[in-house]
Amino acid sequence: MLNIYTVSFFGHRYIDNASEVEQHLDCLLHDLIVQKEYVEFLVGRDGDFDTIASAAIKRAIHSYGYGNAHFILMLPYMKAEYRDNEKEFLDYYDEVEVCTESSKAHPKSAIQVRNRCMVDRSDLVVCCIQHKSGGAYKTVQYAVKQGKQVRNLSDCQL
């Protein structure tokens, strides 16, 4: 039976020190891909950190992967952008999933519901939390309460 290690990514819409965060991500992703039997990466598409994490995941899979990683975009509900550009999304991500729970939630709470579903599915939560407010901060608080391993890249020093 394949041992799947699931990692989700959360961060603020706008982040400072993007290049430092990217360096930390590159190191972490290298270690995960070479040390784990199979890694599933879950990302949203809602801000700077998601964009940085997605690019780093793509680089890491290309550089170190040997068929042991799967890159999934988790949408909170069906978005027109995805529906109208499905081929381009599937050229970039290995899979696009619409979270069932959040697709049934009110649109104003859908992202938070999706984030909690991602946390529940994860073994490791990688985040870039630079201030104590916002949806990403609330998601990481939830992850800690659930006993998930959390790695905040904004706490790291090179």
Protein backbone atom coordinates (compact mmCIF):
# COMPACT_ATOMS: atom_id res chain seq x y z
CA MET A 1 0.00 0.00 0.00
CA LEU A 2 1.31 3.43 -0.99
CA ASN A 3 2.10 5.76 1.91
CA ILE A 4 0.72 9.19 0.87
CA TYR A 5 1.96 12.26 2.75
CA THR A 6 -0.30 15.26 2.18
CA VAL A 7 0.90 18.85 2.46
CA SER A 8 -1.28 21.96 2.22
CA PHE A 9 -0.16 25.56 1.77
CA PHE A 10 -1.66 28.75 3.27
CA GLY A 11 -0.50 32.33 3.40
CA HIS A 12 -1.60 35.91 3.29
CA ARG A 13 -2.80 37.46 0.08
CA TYR A 14 0.20 39.82 0.20
CA ILE A 15 3.54 38.79 1.66
CA ASP A 16 6.82 40.51 2.36
CA ASN A 17 10.25 39.00 1.61
CA ALA A 18 8.97 36.75 -1.18
CA SER A 19 12.47 35.67 -2.24
CA GLU A 20 13.33 34.47 1.29
CA VAL A 21 10.04 32.59 1.55
CA GLU A 22 10.72 31.01 -1.84
CA GLN A 23 14.17 29.83 -0.69
CA HIS A 24 12.65 28.19 2.40
CA LEU A 25 10.01 26.54 0.23
CA ASP A 26 12.61 25.20 -2.20
CA CYS A 27 14.54 23.52 0.64
CA LEU A 28 11.42 22.10 2.26
CA LEU A 29 9.99 20.76 -1.00
CA HIS A 30 13.30 19.11 -1.89
CA ASP A 31 13.34 17.30 1.45
CA LEU A 32 9.71 16.20 1.16
CA ILE A 33 10.07 14.84 -2.37
CA VAL A 34 13.29 12.92 -1.72
CA GLN A 35 12.32 11.62 1.75
CA LYS A 36 8.65 10.66 1.37
CA GLU A 37 7.33 7.72 -0.60
CA TYR A 38 4.57 9.81 -2.21
CA VAL A 39 3.64 13.45 -1.63
CA GLU A 40 0.33 15.12 -2.41
CA PHE A 41 0.51 18.93 -2.56
CA LEU A 42 -2.72 20.91 -2.04
CA VAL A 43 -2.87 24.60 -2.95
CA GLY A 44 -5.45 27.30 -3.45
CA ARG A 45 -5.12 30.15 -5.90
CA ASP A 46 -5.94 33.11 -3.73
CA GLY A 47 -2.87 35.28 -3.26
CA ASP A 48 0.87 35.87 -3.31
CA PHE A 49 1.82 32.89 -1.17
CA ASP A 50 -0.28 30.50 -3.25
CA THR A 51 1.46 31.74 -6.40
CA ILE A 52 4.92 31.41 -4.84
CA ALA A 53 4.13 27.95 -3.45
CA SER A 54 2.73 26.74 -6.77
CA ALA A 55 5.80 27.85 -8.71
CA ALA A 56 8.10 26.24 -6.12
CA ILE A 57 6.14 22.98 -6.25
CA LYS A 58 6.36 22.88 -10.04
CA ARG A 59 10.14 23.49 -9.90
CA ALA A 60 10.66 20.85 -7.21
CA ILE A 61 8.65 18.17 -8.98
CA HIS A 62 10.53 18.88 -12.19
CA SER A 63 13.94 18.85 -10.46
CA TYR A 64 13.61 16.11 -7.82
CA GLY A 65 10.44 14.18 -8.52
CA TYR A 66 10.48 10.67 -9.82
CA GLY A 67 6.75 10.13 -10.16
CA ASN A 68 6.17 10.38 -6.40
CA ALA A 69 4.35 13.73 -6.25
CA HIS A 70 0.88 14.92 -7.18
CA PHE A 71 0.00 18.63 -7.43
CA ILE A 72 -3.66 19.51 -6.76
CA LEU A 73 -5.43 22.85 -7.04
CA MET A 74 -8.30 22.94 -4.54
CA LEU A 75 -11.10 25.26 -5.60
CA PRO A 76 -13.72 26.35 -3.05
CA TYR A 77 -16.42 26.15 -5.76
CA MET A 78 -16.57 25.95 -9.53
CA LYS A 79 -15.08 29.17 -10.86
CA ALA A 80 -15.69 30.57 -14.34
CA GLU A 81 -11.94 31.08 -14.75
CA TYR A 82 -11.39 27.33 -14.39
CA ARG A 83 -14.47 26.32 -16.38
CA ASP A 84 -13.41 28.57 -19.28
CA ASN A 85 -9.73 27.53 -19.18
CA GLU A 86 -9.82 23.92 -18.02
CA LYS A 87 -7.09 22.71 -20.41
CA GLU A 88 -4.62 25.39 -19.27
CA PHE A 89 -5.28 24.58 -15.61
CA LEU A 90 -4.78 20.86 -16.22
CA ASP A 91 -1.57 21.59 -18.13
CA TYR A 92 -0.23 23.28 -14.97
CA TYR A 93 -1.74 21.20 -12.13
CA ASP A 94 -1.92 17.41 -12.05
CA GLU A 95 -5.50 17.68 -10.88
CA VAL A 96 -8.12 20.30 -10.07
CA GLU A 97 -10.58 19.45 -7.29
CA VAL A 98 -13.69 21.37 -6.31
CA CYS A 99 -14.15 20.93 -2.56
CA THR A 100 -17.58 19.39 -2.03
CA GLU A 101 -18.17 20.96 1.40
CA SER A 102 -17.23 24.49 0.38
CA SER A 103 -19.14 24.32 -2.90
CA LYS A 104 -22.30 24.00 -0.79
CA ALA A 105 -21.36 26.82 1.61
CA HIS A 106 -22.23 30.50 1.32
CA PRO A 107 -19.72 32.16 -1.08
CA LYS A 108 -18.43 34.44 1.70
CA SER A 109 -17.42 31.45 3.82
CA ALA A 110 -16.47 29.03 1.03
CA ILE A 111 -12.73 29.70 1.09
CA GLN A 112 -12.52 29.15 4.85
CA VAL A 113 -14.54 25.93 4.55
CA ARG A 114 -12.25 24.73 1.74
CA ASN A 115 -9.18 25.62 3.81
CA ARG A 116 -10.41 23.57 6.76
CA CYS A 117 -11.05 20.60 4.48
CA MET A 118 -7.50 20.91 3.16
CA VAL A 119 -6.14 21.01 6.74
CA ASP A 120 -8.21 17.96 7.73
CA ARG A 121 -6.69 16.03 4.82
CA SER A 122 -3.09 17.13 5.54
CA ASP A 123 -0.19 15.66 7.45
CA LEU A 124 1.74 18.94 7.21
CA VAL A 125 0.52 22.53 6.88
CA VAL A 126 3.06 24.90 5.35
CA CYS A 127 2.24 28.55 5.82
CA CYS A 128 3.56 32.06 5.59
CA ILE A 129 1.82 33.94 8.37
CA GLN A 130 3.25 37.39 8.97
CA HIS A 131 0.45 38.95 11.04
CA LYS A 132 -2.27 37.72 13.35
CA SER A 133 -5.34 38.36 11.24
CA GLY A 134 -7.07 37.15 8.11
CA GLY A 135 -8.22 33.86 6.69
CA ALA A 136 -4.78 32.25 6.47
CA TYR A 137 -4.12 33.05 10.12
CA LYS A 138 -7.49 31.54 11.13
CA THR A 139 -6.75 28.45 9.05
CA VAL A 140 -3.41 27.91 10.76
CA GLN A 141 -5.04 28.37 14.18
CA TYR A 142 -7.49 25.64 13.14
CA ALA A 143 -4.60 23.39 12.04
CA VAL A 144 -2.89 23.79 15.42
CA LYS A 145 -6.15 22.92 17.23
CA GLN A 146 -6.43 19.81 15.07
CA GLY A 147 -2.93 18.75 16.12
CA LYS A 148 -1.47 19.12 12.64
CA GLN A 149 2.23 19.71 12.10
CA VAL A 150 2.62 23.37 11.05
CA ARG A 151 5.65 24.98 9.47
CA ASN A 152 5.52 28.79 9.26
CA LEU A 153 8.08 29.91 6.69
CA SER A 154 8.01 33.50 7.93
CA ASP A 155 9.56 32.27 11.22
CA CYS A 156 12.59 30.80 9.47
CA GLN A 157 15.99 32.42 9.27
CA LEU A 158 18.52 31.51 6.59
